[in-house]
């Protein structure tokens, strides 16, 4: 029985909903991370000994690079620091994921986890060694740095976070005005 459309009367239903949203976050993260990993493996295998490959004219080009730095190849000498920061960010987002109250936030944090995990996987397991590994980038648009699926996940997550915040929907899922009216 529900008090209002979509509002649960029991705590058990609310906690189950939270558990299913955490499952959604982790499911999104896993699928997107696997897509990132698979595309990097294919890019490395197919593009290692080739120059750039035009896919859609000059609009989308495949161009294999290895990025030792952060976004836009900044901080190349700080690769271990970037890796440790990414590890901390991953743990923080995982903790926040346990508090997700809406599907929108689940998508945002799931994609953010996937993006962090994708690039962190490279930092840990790729050459030249643990916490110093270079991130595989291979997608190139005109007048834009080369990027990968993990980077796309992070950017879409950022847009979703901004959207949820602009709409006034906090992580737990209640609008600020609904929180005041709730018993």
Protein backbone atom coordinates (compact mmCIF):
# COMPACT_ATOMS: atom_id res chain seq x y z
CA UNK A 1 0.00 0.00 0.00
CA UNK A 2 1.25 3.46 -0.81
CA UNK A 3 0.52 6.85 0.73
CA UNK A 4 0.88 8.66 -2.58
CA UNK A 5 1.81 7.63 -6.05
CA UNK A 6 5.33 6.20 -5.79
CA UNK A 7 5.68 6.91 -2.05
CA UNK A 8 6.21 3.86 0.13
CA UNK A 9 4.67 3.41 3.58
CA UNK A 10 7.28 0.94 4.85
CA UNK A 11 10.97 1.29 5.53
CA UNK A 12 11.64 -2.14 4.02
CA UNK A 13 10.38 -0.99 0.62
CA UNK A 14 12.54 2.13 0.85
CA UNK A 15 15.67 0.14 1.71
CA UNK A 16 14.91 -2.35 -1.07
CA UNK A 17 14.59 0.57 -3.46
CA UNK A 18 17.96 1.86 -2.25
CA UNK A 19 19.50 -1.58 -2.72
CA UNK A 20 18.12 -1.83 -6.26
CA UNK A 21 19.45 1.64 -7.07
CA UNK A 22 22.89 0.63 -5.77
CA UNK A 23 22.61 -2.43 -8.01
CA UNK A 24 21.75 -0.12 -10.91
CA UNK A 25 24.80 2.06 -10.17
CA UNK A 26 27.07 -0.97 -10.05
CA UNK A 27 25.50 -2.54 -13.14
CA UNK A 28 25.91 0.64 -15.18
CA UNK A 29 29.49 0.98 -13.93
CA UNK A 30 30.36 -2.61 -14.81
CA UNK A 31 28.89 -2.52 -18.32
CA UNK A 32 30.43 0.86 -19.19
CA UNK A 33 33.81 -0.19 -17.72
CA UNK A 34 33.76 -3.38 -19.81
CA UNK A 35 32.92 -1.36 -22.95
CA UNK A 36 35.84 0.98 -22.18
CA UNK A 37 38.20 -1.93 -21.59
CA UNK A 38 37.10 -3.78 -24.74
CA UNK A 39 37.42 -0.71 -26.97
CA UNK A 40 40.93 -0.03 -25.63
CA UNK A 41 41.99 -3.62 -26.32
CA UNK A 42 40.64 -3.42 -29.87
CA UNK A 43 42.16 0.03 -30.43
CA UNK A 44 45.56 -1.16 -29.28
CA UNK A 45 45.40 -4.28 -31.43
CA UNK A 46 44.08 -2.60 -34.58
CA UNK A 47 45.77 0.81 -34.42
CA UNK A 48 49.20 0.06 -32.91
CA UNK A 49 51.10 0.13 -36.21
CA UNK A 50 48.85 2.53 -38.12
CA UNK A 51 48.44 6.22 -38.44
CA UNK A 52 45.09 7.92 -37.86
CA UNK A 53 42.08 6.23 -39.46
CA UNK A 54 39.20 8.41 -40.63
CA UNK A 55 35.85 6.89 -39.66
CA UNK A 56 33.44 9.70 -40.54
CA UNK A 57 35.47 11.90 -42.84
CA UNK A 58 37.57 14.15 -40.66
CA UNK A 59 34.75 14.41 -38.08
CA UNK A 60 35.70 11.21 -36.24
CA UNK A 61 39.15 9.76 -36.46
CA UNK A 62 40.75 6.80 -34.67
CA UNK A 63 44.20 7.79 -33.49
CA UNK A 64 45.97 5.67 -30.84
CA UNK A 65 47.84 7.59 -28.14
CA UNK A 66 49.07 6.82 -24.65
CA UNK A 67 48.40 9.59 -22.15
CA UNK A 68 50.65 9.78 -19.09
CA UNK A 69 48.86 12.86 -17.76
CA UNK A 70 45.39 13.94 -16.78
CA UNK A 71 42.77 15.64 -18.96
CA UNK A 72 44.25 17.33 -22.03
CA UNK A 73 47.57 15.56 -21.25
CA UNK A 74 48.33 17.92 -18.37
CA UNK A 75 50.51 16.80 -15.46
CA UNK A 76 52.49 14.13 -17.29
CA UNK A 77 55.09 14.05 -14.51
CA UNK A 78 52.35 13.51 -11.89
CA UNK A 79 51.06 10.13 -13.10
CA UNK A 80 51.39 8.38 -9.67
CA UNK A 81 49.62 11.29 -7.95
CA UNK A 82 46.84 11.20 -10.55
CA UNK A 83 46.47 7.43 -10.01
CA UNK A 84 46.19 7.81 -6.22
CA UNK A 85 43.70 10.66 -6.65
CA UNK A 86 41.63 8.46 -8.98
CA UNK A 87 41.69 5.63 -6.45
CA UNK A 88 40.44 7.97 -3.71
CA UNK A 89 37.77 9.36 -6.06
CA UNK A 90 36.63 5.82 -6.88
CA UNK A 91 36.17 4.99 -3.18
CA UNK A 92 34.32 8.28 -2.53
CA UNK A 93 31.93 7.69 -5.43
CA UNK A 94 31.34 4.12 -4.24
CA UNK A 95 30.37 5.43 -0.79
CA UNK A 96 28.09 8.06 -2.35
CA UNK A 97 26.51 5.33 -4.49
CA UNK A 98 25.13 3.70 -1.32
CA UNK A 99 23.05 6.85 -0.76
CA UNK A 100 21.52 7.17 -4.23
CA UNK A 101 17.80 7.88 -4.16
CA UNK A 102 16.90 8.32 -7.83
CA UNK A 103 17.55 6.64 -11.15
CA UNK A 104 19.09 9.87 -12.48
CA UNK A 105 21.70 9.89 -9.74
CA UNK A 106 22.25 6.15 -10.25
CA UNK A 107 23.12 6.77 -13.90
CA UNK A 108 25.35 9.72 -13.01
CA UNK A 109 27.35 7.85 -10.37
CA UNK A 110 27.42 4.61 -12.38
CA UNK A 111 28.95 6.38 -15.36
CA UNK A 112 31.33 8.31 -13.11
CA UNK A 113 32.49 5.06 -11.47
CA UNK A 114 33.00 3.49 -14.90
CA UNK A 115 35.02 6.43 -16.16
CA UNK A 116 37.22 6.55 -13.10
CA UNK A 117 37.67 2.76 -13.14
CA UNK A 118 38.47 2.69 -16.86
CA UNK A 119 41.30 5.18 -16.67
CA UNK A 120 42.46 3.86 -13.27
CA UNK A 121 42.71 0.35 -14.75
CA UNK A 122 45.13 1.75 -17.33
CA UNK A 123 47.12 3.59 -14.65
CA UNK A 124 47.51 0.40 -12.64
CA UNK A 125 48.01 -2.28 -15.31
CA UNK A 126 49.55 -0.63 -18.37
CA UNK A 127 53.16 0.26 -19.15
CA UNK A 128 55.40 1.61 -17.76
CA UNK A 129 54.11 0.04 -14.51
CA UNK A 130 51.71 0.18 -11.56
CA UNK A 131 50.41 3.68 -10.74
CA UNK A 132 52.48 5.00 -13.66
CA UNK A 133 50.59 3.40 -16.53
CA UNK A 134 49.53 5.44 -19.53
CA UNK A 135 45.86 5.75 -20.43
CA UNK A 136 44.87 4.50 -23.88
CA UNK A 137 43.10 7.23 -25.88
CA UNK A 138 41.97 6.70 -29.46
CA UNK A 139 38.89 8.78 -30.37
CA UNK A 140 39.59 12.11 -32.04
CA UNK A 141 37.25 14.92 -33.04
CA UNK A 142 38.42 18.06 -34.85
CA UNK A 143 39.98 20.66 -32.54
CA UNK A 144 39.55 18.42 -29.50
CA UNK A 145 41.98 16.28 -27.47
CA UNK A 146 42.03 12.55 -28.15
CA UNK A 147 39.85 10.65 -25.65
CA UNK A 148 38.33 7.26 -24.80
CA UNK A 149 35.04 5.73 -23.61
CA UNK A 150 35.97 6.30 -19.94
CA UNK A 151 36.38 10.01 -20.68
CA UNK A 152 32.94 10.06 -22.33
CA UNK A 153 31.45 8.39 -19.25
CA UNK A 154 33.00 11.02 -16.97
CA UNK A 155 31.69 13.87 -19.14
CA UNK A 156 28.16 12.44 -19.40
CA UNK A 157 28.21 11.85 -15.62
CA UNK A 158 29.23 15.47 -15.06
CA UNK A 159 26.36 16.67 -17.24
CA UNK A 160 23.89 14.45 -15.34
CA UNK A 161 25.21 15.68 -11.99
CA UNK A 162 24.79 19.30 -13.11
CA UNK A 163 21.29 18.52 -14.39
CA UNK A 164 20.22 16.79 -11.17
CA UNK A 165 21.67 19.64 -9.11
CA UNK A 166 20.04 22.33 -11.27
CA UNK A 167 16.71 20.56 -10.86
CA UNK A 168 17.22 20.65 -7.08
CA UNK A 169 17.30 16.87 -6.73
CA UNK A 170 19.75 15.87 -4.01
CA UNK A 171 21.58 12.56 -3.99
CA UNK A 172 18.99 10.93 -1.73
CA UNK A 173 16.26 11.94 -4.16
CA UNK A 174 13.98 14.43 -2.49
CA UNK A 175 13.49 17.97 -3.67
CA UNK A 176 14.38 20.55 -1.01
CA UNK A 177 10.72 21.63 -0.70
CA UNK A 178 9.58 17.98 -0.28
CA UNK A 179 12.09 17.46 2.53
CA UNK A 180 10.52 20.29 4.54
CA UNK A 181 7.00 18.87 4.04
CA UNK A 182 7.97 15.28 4.90
CA UNK A 183 7.07 14.10 8.44
